Amino acid sequence: MAVNINEETCIGCGACIDTCPVEALEMVDDKAKVDPDKCVDCGACIDACPVSAISE
């Protein structure tokens, strides 16, 4: 199971992308998107998000 990103809350800062150890996140239309096939649910992106846009 992959993390969930709230697109309305996401500010597109990229902090989660820089933190992801498996490169499961990318920017699409200035919002973070998760690749569920790569995500290992480590939670690093959740802690890195300054606006709490990412959840399990």
Protein backbone atom coordinates (compact mmCIF):
# COMPACT_ATOMS: atom_id res chain seq x y z
CA MET A 1 0.00 0.00 0.00
CA ALA A 2 1.28 3.47 -0.86
CA VAL A 3 0.97 6.77 0.95
CA ASN A 4 -1.82 9.19 0.03
CA ILE A 5 -1.18 12.74 -1.10
CA ASN A 6 -3.90 15.36 -0.68
CA GLU A 7 -3.58 17.40 -3.87
CA GLU A 8 -5.52 20.32 -2.43
CA THR A 9 -3.13 20.61 0.52
CA CYS A 10 0.11 19.91 -1.40
CA ILE A 11 2.04 23.13 -2.10
CA GLY A 12 4.50 21.51 -4.51
CA CYS A 13 7.59 22.28 -2.46
CA GLY A 14 9.33 18.99 -3.30
CA ALA A 15 10.46 18.21 0.25
CA CYS A 16 8.91 14.75 0.05
CA ILE A 17 10.63 13.97 -3.24
CA ASP A 18 14.05 14.84 -1.84
CA THR A 19 13.38 12.64 1.19
CA CYS A 20 12.05 9.49 -0.51
CA PRO A 21 14.72 6.76 -0.34
CA VAL A 22 13.17 4.69 -3.15
CA GLU A 23 12.33 7.53 -5.57
CA ALA A 24 8.61 6.74 -5.46
CA LEU A 25 7.55 10.38 -5.71
CA GLU A 26 7.61 12.84 -8.58
CA MET A 27 6.19 16.25 -9.42
CA VAL A 28 3.25 16.31 -11.86
CA ASP A 29 1.54 19.64 -12.59
CA ASP A 30 3.32 21.19 -9.58
CA LYS A 31 1.95 18.55 -7.17
CA ALA A 32 3.63 15.50 -5.66
CA LYS A 33 2.48 12.15 -7.04
CA VAL A 34 3.30 8.72 -5.64
CA ASP A 35 4.11 5.61 -7.66
CA PRO A 36 2.37 2.87 -5.63
CA ASP A 37 4.55 0.19 -7.22
CA LYS A 38 7.71 1.82 -5.81
CA CYS A 39 6.43 3.11 -2.45
CA VAL A 40 7.53 1.00 0.53
CA ASP A 41 5.51 2.91 3.18
CA CYS A 42 8.58 4.02 5.10
CA GLY A 43 6.94 7.30 6.14
CA ALA A 44 9.91 9.54 5.34
CA CYS A 45 7.77 11.74 3.09
CA ILE A 46 5.07 12.08 5.74
CA ASP A 47 7.57 13.53 8.21
CA ALA A 48 9.12 15.79 5.53
CA CYS A 49 5.89 17.42 4.35
CA PRO A 50 5.61 20.92 5.87
CA VAL A 51 1.83 21.12 5.30
CA SER A 52 0.85 17.56 6.31
CA ALA A 53 -0.46 16.75 2.82
CA ILE A 54 0.75 13.12 3.00
CA SER A 55 -0.81 10.35 5.05
CA GLU A 56 -0.77 6.57 5.28
